[in-house]
Each structure stands twice: as C-alpha cells, then as structure tokens.
Amino acid sequence: MCRLAAYLGPEISLGRFLMEPAHSLYRQSWEPEEMEDAVLNADGFGFGWLNPSRQTAIYTNTRPIWSDTNLNGLSESLFSTYWLANVRSATPGQSISQDNTHPFKFGQILFTHNGYIENFNIDIRTRLHEILEPSIQSGIQGNTDSEFIFALLRQQLNHTSDIAQAIQGMVSILTEMIADEKVLLNLIVGDGTNFYVLRHAINGQCPTLYYSTGENEFPDSILIASEALTESGKWQAVPEHSYCTISDNSAPDFISL
C-alpha cells in the first residue's frame, strides 16, 4: 500500500505541495492515519510534474522520502501547475528498486497506484502477461502488480485515446480475470492536462481517497489524496467504485463503475 496525492491549479513549488501541508504526503510517509496494511511508507517515493516545456517529468528515489538529501533543493526550485506524488510501502514479495518506484511514466502519461493484487506472484502475473501484446510486454521494467496494471491500461490506450474509457476497459478485464482474490485499485493517471482518478476494489474494501476544491491554502485549485493533506475540514471522500476526470478546480463529476 502507498499514499498518493495530486494537485491541479495555479503554479506552486514542489515543497508547497509535497512538504508544507499539516498532514503532507511527506508526513504521511512515517505517520499515515488511515492505512490498514502497513505503518510506514518508507520503500521509496516519487513525484511527477508538468515542466515549462509542457512535458511531463518524474523524479523517483528508492530511499525513504525523509532521507533524500536532494529534496530540499528540489522543493525550492521546482514549480508547476500540475503535481502527482507517491510514498511507497512495498507489497510483500515485490522488491524495492528504481523500476518499481512510482509514479511510472510512458510518453506523456503518468501513473500511480495505491493497492495490490492478492496472489499476484502466484498466477495472476502470468495470466496478465499472456493477454498483453508483445509491444506492451516489452515496456515492463519492474515486477510489481502496479506496473502490470499500468501495462494493461496502456494496452487499452492502443485502442482508444480516451483515458477514462481506457480505465473502464482495464477494470472490466481485471474483473473478468479475478476470481476470489482481493484487488485494491486506487489510481491517479495524468496526461499533463487532466487527472483521471479511480477509487475501486474487487472482493475488498476500497482504500481511502479524498478531494478538496475549497482550500484557503491552495486557492483556485483541486487536490486529491489518500488522506486529507490539510485540517480545513473541506475534504470529501471520492465515492467508492467510481472514477472521474479532473480538468479544472470545479467539483468533479463521479461516474459509477
């Protein structure tokens, strides 16, 4: 399990997004309040952003976020209107490595996942691999369930340019494939313009996910996070088994799966 966060709004520094809120993602790395399967997120971290050339970029590190000596400098020097971040708690049996550290990037697409596929290493990885096209298989660099979910999403994007539709297709395939295994499936996907948010689970309870559009600390913006980043009381739960497209700071329209 992991903790996720995303921001869309006026330009702010990385530090403003990642480190300064009272219950920031930085703090959630050692003091999460709503994680059920772990107590720390110390197995790496990463963030993605939209750079001045309007291209998405990522930075990842396999060390705990609090031990990265580069982070203070990056937090003061990087600015963007578009941020995505993850602090990782590795699923047992999945290694800590650069290739396994979120967010993932392919072309302009950013991807991060909170959750897991139960028994992934027993047989589901093989079954997923069998349905992936060779061009998608060859792009897999790590060994996590998260990257295979991203691969399945990328395969859907070979057949549609609509990311929301691709997420629906990916969920449908997983639902048909899974029997009794638990799948926890909170996703934030970005294309540098919009965010696409999914809160879902198969045979299990959806992990927590919230959004806020009325933050005095972040005016004219929208925030999405596994746990509320601020103490404003304005955070609302993303409905279970739903997804949405976020393109501005207005309240999202959630669509039930």
Protein backbone atom coordinates (compact mmCIF):
# COMPACT_ATOMS: atom_id res chain seq x y z
CA MET A 1 0.00 0.00 0.00
CA CYS A 2 1.06 3.59 -0.61
CA ARG A 3 -0.13 7.15 -0.12
CA LEU A 4 -0.94 9.28 -3.17
CA ALA A 5 -1.57 12.95 -3.85
CA ALA A 6 -2.17 15.19 -6.85
CA TYR A 7 -2.60 18.92 -7.43
CA LEU A 8 -4.03 20.95 -10.30
CA GLY A 9 -4.17 24.74 -10.07
CA PRO A 10 -2.03 27.89 -10.11
CA GLU A 11 1.72 27.39 -10.16
CA ILE A 12 3.22 26.35 -6.81
CA SER A 13 6.53 24.92 -5.66
CA LEU A 14 7.11 21.23 -5.09
CA GLY A 15 7.62 21.96 -1.41
CA ARG A 16 4.29 23.75 -1.15
CA PHE A 17 2.56 20.64 -2.49
CA LEU A 18 4.63 17.82 -1.03
CA MET A 19 6.02 19.03 2.31
CA GLU A 20 4.27 22.07 3.76
CA PRO A 21 0.65 20.97 4.46
CA ALA A 22 -0.08 19.94 8.06
CA HIS A 23 -0.63 16.32 7.01
CA SER A 24 1.55 16.41 3.92
CA LEU A 25 2.47 13.38 1.88
CA TYR A 26 5.95 13.84 3.34
CA ARG A 27 4.50 13.42 6.84
CA GLN A 28 2.30 10.52 5.73
CA SER A 29 5.47 8.59 4.90
CA TRP A 30 6.02 7.98 8.63
CA GLU A 31 2.68 8.96 10.18
CA PRO A 32 -0.22 7.78 7.99
CA GLU A 33 -3.58 7.81 9.74
CA GLU A 34 -5.76 5.63 7.51
CA MET A 35 -3.51 2.84 6.23
CA GLU A 36 -4.68 -0.65 7.15
CA ASP A 37 -1.94 -2.90 5.78
CA ALA A 38 1.23 -1.07 6.81
CA VAL A 39 2.51 1.54 9.27
CA LEU A 40 5.22 3.24 7.19
CA ASN A 41 5.71 4.34 3.59
CA ALA A 42 9.48 4.03 3.56
CA ASP A 43 10.11 1.95 0.42
CA GLY A 44 10.80 4.83 -1.93
CA PHE A 45 8.92 7.82 -3.25
CA GLY A 46 8.49 9.83 -6.38
CA PHE A 47 6.71 12.73 -7.97
CA GLY A 48 5.68 13.83 -11.42
CA TRP A 49 5.02 17.29 -12.80
CA LEU A 50 4.48 19.33 -15.92
CA ASN A 51 7.68 21.15 -16.85
CA PRO A 52 7.98 24.56 -18.58
CA SER A 53 8.13 22.81 -21.97
CA ARG A 54 4.67 21.32 -21.27
CA GLN A 55 6.15 17.84 -20.98
CA THR A 56 5.57 15.53 -18.04
CA ALA A 57 8.60 14.54 -15.99
CA ILE A 58 9.27 12.30 -13.00
CA TYR A 59 11.74 12.01 -10.14
CA THR A 60 11.96 8.77 -8.15
CA ASN A 61 14.15 7.51 -5.32
CA THR A 62 14.21 4.09 -3.65
CA ARG A 63 15.11 5.59 -0.27
CA PRO A 64 12.55 6.91 2.23
CA ILE A 65 11.47 10.42 1.35
CA TRP A 66 12.93 11.85 4.57
CA SER A 67 16.42 10.61 3.69
CA ASP A 68 16.72 12.20 0.24
CA THR A 69 19.31 14.95 0.57
CA ASN A 70 18.26 16.44 -2.77
CA LEU A 71 14.66 17.00 -1.77
CA ASN A 72 15.02 20.37 -0.03
CA GLY A 73 16.73 21.87 -3.06
CA LEU A 74 14.21 20.39 -5.46
CA SER A 75 11.32 21.56 -3.28
CA GLU A 76 12.50 25.16 -3.53
CA SER A 77 13.46 25.18 -7.21
CA LEU A 78 10.71 23.21 -9.00
CA PHE A 79 7.41 24.96 -9.77
CA SER A 80 4.40 23.66 -11.65
CA THR A 81 0.64 23.88 -12.03
CA TYR A 82 0.45 20.09 -12.09
CA TRP A 83 1.80 17.71 -9.45
CA LEU A 84 1.48 14.00 -8.71
CA ALA A 85 3.28 12.11 -5.92
CA ASN A 86 3.54 8.76 -4.17
CA VAL A 87 5.21 7.49 -1.00
CA ARG A 88 5.56 3.73 -1.23
CA SER A 89 5.00 0.83 1.12
CA ALA A 90 6.06 -2.17 -0.97
CA THR A 91 3.73 -5.14 -1.17
CA PRO A 92 5.42 -8.22 0.37
CA GLY A 93 7.27 -10.14 -2.33
CA GLN A 94 7.80 -7.08 -4.52
CA SER A 95 11.28 -5.62 -4.48
CA ILE A 96 12.45 -2.11 -3.73
CA SER A 97 14.06 -0.83 -6.92
CA GLN A 98 14.04 2.19 -9.20
CA ASP A 99 11.86 0.37 -11.74
CA ASN A 100 9.26 -0.40 -9.06
CA THR A 101 9.06 3.14 -7.69
CA HIS A 102 6.06 5.32 -8.54
CA PRO A 103 5.00 7.29 -10.42
CA PHE A 104 5.50 5.44 -13.68
CA LYS A 105 5.78 7.34 -16.95
CA PHE A 106 5.20 6.31 -20.55
CA GLY A 107 5.26 9.07 -23.13
CA GLN A 108 3.22 11.88 -21.64
CA ILE A 109 1.23 9.58 -19.33
CA LEU A 110 1.89 9.48 -15.57
CA PHE A 111 0.52 6.68 -13.40
CA THR A 112 0.42 5.88 -9.70
CA HIS A 113 -1.44 3.16 -7.81
CA ASN A 114 -2.42 2.54 -4.20
CA GLY A 115 -3.43 -1.04 -3.57
CA TYR A 116 -2.43 -4.54 -4.60
CA ILE A 117 -3.49 -7.69 -6.38
CA GLU A 118 -3.67 -10.60 -3.96
CA ASN A 119 -1.69 -13.68 -5.05
CA PHE A 120 -0.17 -11.67 -7.89
CA ASN A 121 3.11 -13.60 -7.85
CA ILE A 122 1.38 -16.99 -7.71
CA ASP A 123 -0.51 -16.98 -11.01
CA ILE A 124 -2.12 -13.64 -11.83
CA ARG A 125 1.11 -12.12 -13.15
CA THR A 126 1.36 -14.99 -15.67
CA ARG A 127 -2.26 -14.63 -16.71
CA LEU A 128 -1.87 -10.89 -17.19
CA HIS A 129 1.33 -11.37 -19.18
CA GLU A 130 -0.49 -13.76 -21.52
CA ILE A 131 -3.08 -11.18 -22.53
CA LEU A 132 -0.61 -8.34 -23.07
CA GLU A 133 0.52 -7.54 -26.59
CA PRO A 134 4.27 -8.03 -27.24
CA SER A 135 4.84 -4.28 -27.59
CA ILE A 136 3.30 -3.75 -24.15
CA GLN A 137 5.15 -6.67 -22.56
CA SER A 138 8.48 -5.29 -23.71
CA GLY A 139 7.83 -2.00 -21.92
CA ILE A 140 7.54 -3.60 -18.47
CA GLN A 141 10.70 -2.81 -16.50
CA GLY A 142 9.82 -3.90 -12.95
CA ASN A 143 7.96 -6.75 -11.27
CA THR A 144 5.07 -5.11 -9.43
CA ASP A 145 1.35 -5.62 -9.77
CA SER A 146 1.12 -1.84 -10.21
CA GLU A 147 3.22 -1.87 -13.36
CA PHE A 148 1.19 -4.72 -14.84
CA ILE A 149 -1.97 -2.72 -14.17
CA PHE A 150 -0.34 0.21 -15.94
CA ALA A 151 0.63 -2.10 -18.82
CA LEU A 152 -2.98 -3.23 -19.12
CA LEU A 153 -4.08 0.40 -19.18
CA ARG A 154 -1.50 1.22 -21.87
CA GLN A 155 -2.81 -1.66 -23.95
CA GLN A 156 -6.29 -0.17 -23.72
CA LEU A 157 -4.83 3.16 -24.85
CA ASN A 158 -3.65 1.44 -28.04
CA HIS A 159 -7.32 1.19 -28.94
CA THR A 160 -8.71 4.48 -27.62
CA SER A 161 -7.29 7.92 -26.92
CA ASP A 162 -9.86 8.43 -24.13
CA ILE A 163 -8.05 7.72 -20.86
CA ALA A 164 -11.29 7.46 -18.87
CA GLN A 165 -12.58 4.88 -21.34
CA ALA A 166 -9.26 3.01 -21.14
CA ILE A 167 -9.55 2.88 -17.34
CA GLN A 168 -13.05 1.41 -17.68
CA GLY A 169 -11.73 -1.22 -20.08
CA MET A 170 -8.84 -2.09 -17.79
CA VAL A 171 -11.19 -2.52 -14.82
CA SER A 172 -13.52 -4.73 -16.87
CA ILE A 173 -10.66 -7.04 -17.87
CA LEU A 174 -9.42 -7.35 -14.29
CA THR A 175 -12.95 -8.01 -13.03
CA GLU A 176 -13.39 -10.83 -15.54
CA MET A 177 -9.98 -12.31 -14.72
CA ILE A 178 -10.18 -12.22 -10.92
CA ALA A 179 -11.98 -15.00 -9.06
CA ASP A 180 -11.68 -14.77 -5.28
CA GLU A 181 -8.53 -12.67 -5.00
CA LYS A 182 -8.68 -9.23 -3.44
CA VAL A 183 -7.76 -6.33 -5.72
CA LEU A 184 -7.43 -2.82 -4.30
CA LEU A 185 -7.38 -0.31 -7.10
CA ASN A 186 -6.97 3.38 -6.35
CA LEU A 187 -5.34 5.10 -9.31
CA ILE A 188 -4.36 8.58 -10.39
CA VAL A 189 -3.43 8.86 -14.05
CA GLY A 190 -2.22 12.09 -15.65
CA ASP A 191 -1.58 13.31 -19.17
CA GLY A 192 -0.15 16.72 -18.30
CA THR A 193 -3.51 18.43 -18.72
CA ASN A 194 -6.07 16.37 -16.81
CA PHE A 195 -6.05 13.87 -13.99
CA TYR A 196 -8.10 10.68 -14.12
CA VAL A 197 -8.98 9.32 -10.70
CA LEU A 198 -10.27 5.86 -9.79
CA ARG A 199 -11.35 4.53 -6.40
CA HIS A 200 -12.24 0.87 -6.66
CA ALA A 201 -11.77 -2.61 -5.22
CA ILE A 202 -12.67 -6.15 -6.25
CA ASN A 203 -13.52 -8.55 -3.40
CA GLY A 204 -12.35 -5.99 -0.88
CA GLN A 205 -12.82 -2.57 0.71
CA CYS A 206 -11.80 0.46 -1.34
CA PRO A 207 -8.76 2.27 0.07
CA THR A 208 -9.37 5.81 1.24
CA LEU A 209 -9.26 8.66 -1.27
CA TYR A 210 -10.34 12.29 -0.86
CA TYR A 211 -10.55 15.53 -2.79
CA SER A 212 -10.84 19.21 -1.92
CA THR A 213 -11.62 22.25 -4.03
CA GLY A 214 -12.05 24.89 -1.36
CA GLU A 215 -8.67 25.15 0.32
CA ASN A 216 -7.62 28.59 1.55
CA GLU A 217 -4.03 27.33 1.47
CA PHE A 218 -4.42 26.32 -2.20
CA PRO A 219 -6.81 28.82 -3.82
CA ASP A 220 -8.39 28.08 -7.21
CA SER A 221 -7.07 24.53 -7.18
CA ILE A 222 -8.10 20.93 -6.64
CA LEU A 223 -6.27 18.39 -4.51
CA ILE A 224 -6.66 14.62 -4.44
CA ALA A 225 -5.04 12.50 -1.73
CA SER A 226 -5.21 9.19 0.10
CA GLU A 227 -5.57 11.18 3.32
CA ALA A 228 -6.58 14.81 3.77
CA LEU A 229 -3.49 16.99 3.45
CA THR A 230 -4.87 19.91 5.45
CA GLU A 231 -7.04 20.44 8.52
CA SER A 232 -9.59 22.63 6.73
CA GLY A 233 -12.49 20.20 7.11
CA LYS A 234 -13.31 20.69 3.42
CA TRP A 235 -12.12 17.30 2.22
CA GLN A 236 -14.71 14.94 0.78
CA ALA A 237 -14.44 11.23 0.10
CA VAL A 238 -14.26 10.09 -3.50
CA PRO A 239 -17.27 7.75 -3.89
CA GLU A 240 -16.39 4.07 -3.81
CA HIS A 241 -16.34 2.21 -7.14
CA SER A 242 -16.22 5.39 -9.18
CA TYR A 243 -13.94 7.38 -11.45
CA CYS A 244 -13.74 10.93 -12.72
CA THR A 245 -11.83 13.28 -14.99
CA ILE A 246 -10.36 16.39 -13.38
CA SER A 247 -9.63 19.24 -15.76
CA ASP A 248 -10.06 22.31 -13.54
CA ASN A 249 -10.77 23.25 -9.93
CA SER A 250 -14.52 22.62 -10.08
CA ALA A 251 -16.08 19.77 -8.11
CA PRO A 252 -15.59 16.51 -10.03
CA ASP A 253 -18.45 14.58 -11.61
CA PHE A 254 -18.01 10.99 -10.48
CA ILE A 255 -19.20 8.11 -12.63
CA SER A 256 -20.08 4.78 -11.01
CA LEU A 257 -18.49 1.67 -12.45
